[in-house]
PDB file of N, CA and C in Angstrom:
ATOM      1  N   MET A   1      97.935 124.825  80.542  1.00  0.00           N
ATOM      2  CA  MET A   1      97.942 124.733  82.248  1.00  0.00           C
ATOM      3  C   MET A   1      99.298 125.840  82.390  1.00  0.00           C
ATOM      4  N   ARG A   2      99.239 126.318  83.537  1.00  0.00           N
ATOM      5  CA  ARG A   2     100.286 127.462  83.858  1.00  0.00           C
ATOM      6  C   ARG A   2     102.055 126.417  84.574  1.00  0.00           C
ATOM      7  N   ASP A   3     102.986 127.409  85.273  1.00  0.00           N
ATOM      8  CA  ASP A   3     103.677 126.860  85.258  1.00  0.00           C
ATOM      9  C   ASP A   3     103.942 126.136  86.575  1.00  0.00           C
ATOM     10  N   GLU A   4     104.227 124.918  86.898  1.00  0.00           N
ATOM     11  CA  GLU A   4     104.211 123.759  87.908  1.00  0.00           C
ATOM     12  C   GLU A   4     105.326 123.265  88.162  1.00  0.00           C
ATOM     13  N   THR A   5     105.551 122.767  89.443  1.00  0.00           N
ATOM     14  CA  THR A   5     106.421 121.666  89.701  1.00  0.00           C
ATOM     15  C   THR A   5     105.781 120.706  89.860  1.00  0.00           C
ATOM     16  N   PHE A   6     106.773 119.716  89.045  1.00  0.00           N
ATOM     17  CA  PHE A   6     105.627 118.297  89.375  1.00  0.00           C
ATOM     18  C   PHE A   6     106.707 117.674  90.216  1.00  0.00           C
ATOM     19  N   MET A   7     106.722 116.523  90.996  1.00  0.00           N
ATOM     20  CA  MET A   7     106.907 116.045  92.226  1.00  0.00           C
ATOM     21  C   MET A   7     106.920 114.346  91.325  1.00  0.00           C
ATOM     22  N   THR A   8     108.100 113.817  91.629  1.00  0.00           N
ATOM     23  CA  THR A   8     107.725 111.750  91.675  1.00  0.00           C
ATOM     24  C   THR A   8     107.329 111.358  92.886  1.00  0.00           C
ATOM     25  N   THR A   9     106.801 110.015  92.999  1.00  0.00           N
ATOM     26  CA  THR A   9     106.534 109.526  94.239  1.00  0.00           C
ATOM     27  C   THR A   9     107.907 110.130  95.242  1.00  0.00           C
ATOM     28  N   ASP A  10     108.911 109.178  95.456  1.00  0.00           N
ATOM     29  CA  ASP A  10     109.957 109.442  95.611  1.00  0.00           C
ATOM     30  C   ASP A  10     110.696 110.828  96.800  1.00  0.00           C
ATOM     31  N   GLU A  11     110.116 111.333  95.901  1.00  0.00           N
ATOM     32  CA  GLU A  11     110.152 113.350  96.368  1.00  0.00           C
ATOM     33  C   GLU A  11     108.937 113.422  96.964  1.00  0.00           C
ATOM     34  N   VAL A  12     107.419 113.763  96.767  1.00  0.00           N
ATOM     35  CA  VAL A  12     106.416 113.254  98.037  1.00  0.00           C
ATOM     36  C   VAL A  12     106.702 112.724  98.487  1.00  0.00           C
ATOM     37  N   ALA A  13     106.969 111.776  98.561  1.00  0.00           N
ATOM     38  CA  ALA A  13     107.355 110.282 100.068  1.00  0.00           C
ATOM     39  C   ALA A  13     108.545 110.789 101.636  1.00  0.00           C
ATOM     40  N   GLU A  14     109.419 112.284 100.479  1.00  0.00           N
ATOM     41  CA  GLU A  14     110.406 112.174 101.437  1.00  0.00           C
ATOM     42  C   GLU A  14     109.314 113.524 101.510  1.00  0.00           C
ATOM     43  N   ARG A  15     108.359 114.315 101.199  1.00  0.00           N
ATOM     44  CA  ARG A  15     108.444 116.069 101.551  1.00  0.00           C
ATOM     45  C   ARG A  15     107.426 115.876 102.771  1.00  0.00           C
ATOM     46  N   VAL A  16     106.664 114.620 102.797  1.00  0.00           N
ATOM     47  CA  VAL A  16     105.513 114.490 102.982  1.00  0.00           C
ATOM     48  C   VAL A  16     106.206 112.991 104.275  1.00  0.00           C
ATOM     49  N   ASN A  17     107.199 112.879 104.699  1.00  0.00           N
ATOM     50  CA  ASN A  17     108.123 112.038 105.376  1.00  0.00           C
ATOM     51  C   ASN A  17     107.280 110.580 105.889  1.00  0.00           C
ATOM     52  N   VAL A  18     106.947 109.799 104.592  1.00  0.00           N
ATOM     53  CA  VAL A  18     106.290 108.645 104.774  1.00  0.00           C
ATOM     54  C   VAL A  18     106.708 107.801 103.544  1.00  0.00           C
ATOM     55  N   PRO A  19     107.019 106.074 103.846  1.00  0.00           N
ATOM     56  CA  PRO A  19     107.476 105.522 102.789  1.00  0.00           C
ATOM     57  C   PRO A  19     107.160 105.547 101.852  1.00  0.00           C
ATOM     58  N   VAL A  20     107.423 105.088 100.599  1.00  0.00           N
ATOM     59  CA  VAL A  20     107.232 105.112  99.356  1.00  0.00           C
ATOM     60  C   VAL A  20     105.619 104.695  98.940  1.00  0.00           C
ATOM     61  N   SER A  21     105.723 102.984 100.060  1.00  0.00           N
ATOM     62  CA  SER A  21     105.135 102.612  99.829  1.00  0.00           C
ATOM     63  C   SER A  21     103.337 102.715 100.556  1.00  0.00           C
ATOM     64  N   THR A  22     103.991 103.513 101.283  1.00  0.00           N
ATOM     65  CA  THR A  22     102.274 104.190 101.266  1.00  0.00           C
ATOM     66  C   THR A  22     101.582 105.278 100.834  1.00  0.00           C
ATOM     67  N   LEU A  23     102.612 106.070 100.263  1.00  0.00           N
ATOM     68  CA  LEU A  23     101.996 106.759  99.015  1.00  0.00           C
ATOM     69  C   LEU A  23     101.408 105.631  98.158  1.00  0.00           C
ATOM     70  N   ARG A  24     102.076 104.796  97.235  1.00  0.00           N
ATOM     71  CA  ARG A  24     101.483 103.968  96.674  1.00  0.00           C
ATOM     72  C   ARG A  24     100.779 103.540  97.047  1.00  0.00           C
ATOM     73  N   TYR A  25     100.378 102.649  98.398  1.00  0.00           N
ATOM     74  CA  TYR A  25      98.997 102.548  98.874  1.00  0.00           C
ATOM     75  C   TYR A  25      97.836 103.323  98.792  1.00  0.00           C
ATOM     76  N   TRP A  26      98.063 104.115  99.235  1.00  0.00           N
ATOM     77  CA  TRP A  26      96.939 105.490  98.943  1.00  0.00           C
ATOM     78  C   TRP A  26      96.283 105.845  98.014  1.00  0.00           C
ATOM     79  N   ARG A  27      97.191 106.154  97.163  1.00  0.00           N
ATOM     80  CA  ARG A  27      97.010 106.339  95.294  1.00  0.00           C
ATOM     81  C   ARG A  27      95.984 105.315  95.262  1.00  0.00           C
ATOM     82  N   PHE A  28      96.526 103.410  95.816  1.00  0.00           N
ATOM     83  CA  PHE A  28      95.717 102.393  95.031  1.00  0.00           C
ATOM     84  C   PHE A  28      94.440 102.688  96.131  1.00  0.00           C
ATOM     85  N   MET A  29      94.203 103.408  96.952  1.00  0.00           N
ATOM     86  CA  MET A  29      93.088 103.568  97.971  1.00  0.00           C
ATOM     87  C   MET A  29      92.608 105.189  97.514  1.00  0.00           C
ATOM     88  N   GLY A  30      92.999 105.800  96.901  1.00  0.00           N
ATOM     89  CA  GLY A  30      92.094 106.739  96.624  1.00  0.00           C
ATOM     90  C   GLY A  30      91.973 107.717  97.051  1.00  0.00           C
ATOM     91  N   GLN A  31      93.405 107.969  98.287  1.00  0.00           N
ATOM     92  CA  GLN A  31      93.056 108.825  99.259  1.00  0.00           C
ATOM     93  C   GLN A  31      94.687 109.475  98.984  1.00  0.00           C
ATOM     94  N   GLY A  32      95.186 110.002 100.015  1.00  0.00           N
ATOM     95  CA  GLY A  32      96.741 111.157  99.801  1.00  0.00           C
ATOM     96  C   GLY A  32      96.540 111.793  98.370  1.00  0.00           C
ATOM     97  N   PRO A  33      97.523 112.669  98.409  1.00  0.00           N
ATOM     98  CA  PRO A  33      97.313 114.048  97.313  1.00  0.00           C
ATOM     99  C   PRO A  33      97.463 113.354  95.921  1.00  0.00           C
ATOM    100  N   LYS A  34      96.703 114.654  95.649  1.00  0.00           N
ATOM    101  CA  LYS A  34      96.305 114.113  93.732  1.00  0.00           C
ATOM    102  C   LYS A  34      97.663 113.157  93.119  1.00  0.00           C
ATOM    103  N   SER A  35      97.017 112.952  92.400  1.00  0.00           N
ATOM    104  CA  SER A  35      98.466 112.146  91.383  1.00  0.00           C
ATOM    105  C   SER A  35      97.876 111.922  90.048  1.00  0.00           C
ATOM    106  N   PHE A  36      98.742 111.360  89.388  1.00  0.00           N
ATOM    107  CA  PHE A  36      98.560 111.339  87.739  1.00  0.00           C
ATOM    108  C   PHE A  36      99.029 110.638  86.688  1.00  0.00           C
ATOM    109  N   THR A  37      99.113 109.854  85.472  1.00  0.00           N
ATOM    110  CA  THR A  37      99.928 108.842  85.518  1.00  0.00           C
ATOM    111  C   THR A  37     100.444 109.553  84.222  1.00  0.00           C
ATOM    112  N   LEU A  38     101.996 110.000  84.394  1.00  0.00           N
ATOM    113  CA  LEU A  38     102.593 110.704  82.418  1.00  0.00           C
ATOM    114  C   LEU A  38     103.286 109.562  82.060  1.00  0.00           C
ATOM    115  N   GLY A  39     102.514 109.306  80.514  1.00  0.00           N
ATOM    116  CA  GLY A  39     102.367 108.109  79.772  1.00  0.00           C
ATOM    117  C   GLY A  39     101.407 106.656  80.252  1.00  0.00           C
ATOM    118  N   GLN A  40     102.302 105.943  80.130  1.00  0.00           N
ATOM    119  CA  GLN A  40     102.041 104.444  81.011  1.00  0.00           C
ATOM    120  C   GLN A  40     102.075 104.475  82.113  1.00  0.00           C
ATOM    121  N   ARG A  41     103.316 104.946  82.723  1.00  0.00           N
ATOM    122  CA  ARG A  41     103.681 104.429  84.008  1.00  0.00           C
ATOM    123  C   ARG A  41     104.325 105.292  85.094  1.00  0.00           C
ATOM    124  N   ALA A  42     104.614 106.689  84.948  1.00  0.00           N
ATOM    125  CA  ALA A  42     105.590 107.513  85.249  1.00  0.00           C
ATOM    126  C   ALA A  42     104.192 108.227  86.124  1.00  0.00           C
ATOM    127  N   VAL A  43     104.126 108.100  87.519  1.00  0.00           N
ATOM    128  CA  VAL A  43     103.206 108.544  88.550  1.00  0.00           C
ATOM    129  C   VAL A  43     104.042 110.312  88.898  1.00  0.00           C
ATOM    130  N   ARG A  44     103.135 111.061  88.859  1.00  0.00           N
ATOM    131  CA  ARG A  44     103.672 112.626  89.456  1.00  0.00           C
ATOM    132  C   ARG A  44     102.718 113.123  90.149  1.00  0.00           C
ATOM    133  N   TYR A  45     102.984 114.056  90.837  1.00  0.00           N
ATOM    134  CA  TYR A  45     102.411 114.774  91.816  1.00  0.00           C
ATOM    135  C   TYR A  45     102.151 117.190  91.055  1.00  0.00           C
ATOM    136  N   ARG A  46     101.612 116.692  90.865  1.00  0.00           N
ATOM    137  CA  ARG A  46     101.772 118.407  91.290  1.00  0.00           C
ATOM    138  C   ARG A  46     102.138 119.467  92.521  1.00  0.00           C
ATOM    139  N   ALA A  47     103.442 119.521  92.724  1.00  0.00           N
ATOM    140  CA  ALA A  47     104.007 120.238  93.738  1.00  0.00           C
ATOM    141  C   ALA A  47     102.182 121.015  94.588  1.00  0.00           C
ATOM    142  N   SER A  48     101.910 121.919  94.259  1.00  0.00           N
ATOM    143  CA  SER A  48     100.414 122.635  94.589  1.00  0.00           C
ATOM    144  C   SER A  48      99.273 121.685  95.049  1.00  0.00           C
ATOM    145  N   ASP A  49      99.203 120.891  94.331  1.00  0.00           N
ATOM    146  CA  ASP A  49      98.166 119.709  94.700  1.00  0.00           C
ATOM    147  C   ASP A  49      98.924 119.026  96.218  1.00  0.00           C
ATOM    148  N   VAL A  50     100.316 118.467  96.237  1.00  0.00           N
ATOM    149  CA  VAL A  50     100.818 118.081  97.851  1.00  0.00           C
ATOM    150  C   VAL A  50     100.369 119.148  99.124  1.00  0.00           C
ATOM    151  N   ASP A  51     100.920 119.907  98.716  1.00  0.00           N
ATOM    152  CA  ASP A  51     101.107 121.310  99.585  1.00  0.00           C
ATOM    153  C   ASP A  51      99.569 121.616  99.793  1.00  0.00           C
ATOM    154  N   ALA A  52      98.783 121.244  99.417  1.00  0.00           N
ATOM    155  CA  ALA A  52      96.982 121.526  99.447  1.00  0.00           C
ATOM    156  C   ALA A  52      96.420 120.639 100.037  1.00  0.00           C
ATOM    157  N   TRP A  53      96.977 119.607  99.967  1.00  0.00           N
ATOM    158  CA  TRP A  53      97.090 117.777 100.870  1.00  0.00           C
ATOM    159  C   TRP A  53      97.063 118.256 102.288  1.00  0.00           C
ATOM    160  N   LEU A  54      98.336 118.734 102.389  1.00  0.00           N
ATOM    161  CA  LEU A  54      98.824 118.555 103.769  1.00  0.00           C
ATOM    162  C   LEU A  54      98.274 119.430 104.499  1.00  0.00           C
ATOM    163  N   GLU A  55      97.435 120.860 104.010  1.00  0.00           N
ATOM    164  CA  GLU A  55      97.509 121.672 104.297  1.00  0.00           C
ATOM    165  C   GLU A  55      95.986 120.981 104.790  1.00  0.00           C
ATOM    166  N   SER A  56      94.690 120.083 103.934  1.00  0.00           N
ATOM    167  CA  SER A  56      93.656 119.981 104.693  1.00  0.00           C
ATOM    168  C   SER A  56      93.928 118.750 105.552  1.00  0.00           C
ATOM    169  N   GLN A  57      95.056 118.110 105.704  1.00  0.00           N
ATOM    170  CA  GLN A  57      95.518 117.436 106.546  1.00  0.00           C
ATOM    171  C   GLN A  57      95.940 117.954 107.422  1.00  0.00           C
ATOM    172  N   TYR A  58      96.469 118.565 107.601  1.00  0.00           N
ATOM    173  CA  TYR A  58      96.206 119.800 109.134  1.00  0.00           C
ATOM    174  C   TYR A  58      95.019 120.358 109.451  1.00  0.00           C
ATOM    175  N   GLN A  59      94.500 120.696 108.722  1.00  0.00           N
ATOM    176  CA  GLN A  59      93.042 121.446 109.106  1.00  0.00           C
ATOM    177  C   GLN A  59      92.065 120.021 109.498  1.00  0.00           C
ATOM    178  N   SER A  60      92.218 119.068 109.182  1.00  0.00           N
ATOM    179  CA  SER A  60      90.937 117.899 109.394  1.00  0.00           C
ATOM    180  C   SER A  60      91.381 118.104 110.947  1.00  0.00           C
ATOM    181  N   THR A  61      92.788 117.757 111.247  1.00  0.00           N
ATOM    182  CA  THR A  61      93.590 117.613 112.858  1.00  0.00           C
ATOM    183  C   THR A  61      93.023 118.277 113.472  1.00  0.00           C
ATOM    184  N   ALA A  62      93.530 120.483 113.020  1.00  0.00           N
ATOM    185  CA  ALA A  62      93.569 121.215 114.348  1.00  0.00           C
ATOM    186  C   ALA A  62      92.556 121.077 114.329  1.00  0.00           C
ATOM    187  N   VAL A  63      90.716 120.917 113.585  1.00  0.00           N
ATOM    188  CA  VAL A  63      89.719 121.329 113.897  1.00  0.00           C
ATOM    189  C   VAL A  63      89.629 120.149 114.933  1.00  0.00           C
ATOM    190  N   SER A  64      89.471 118.786 114.573  1.00  0.00           N
ATOM    191  CA  SER A  64      89.072 117.057 115.533  1.00  0.00           C
ATOM    192  C   SER A  64      89.749 117.098 116.698  1.00  0.00           C
ATOM    193  N   ARG A  65      90.658 118.361 117.704  1.00  0.00           N
ATOM    194  CA  ARG A  65      91.267 118.650 118.677  1.00  0.00           C
ATOM    195  C   ARG A  65      90.517 119.678 119.376  1.00  0.00           C
TER     196      ARG A  65
END
């Protein structure tokens, strides 16, 4: 795997400006940025996946306007 920055749920919530509970709900529903479990409980997000998800959200909103 290439050099990558991994983010916690708290960090992603701050970056995306939503409550942590919203990210947890999105994860439960299979929505939101890609995440993975490190070990048994530690959820992490690749920064590049978060950025790509944000861009896709912007693109889908821009197209529908």
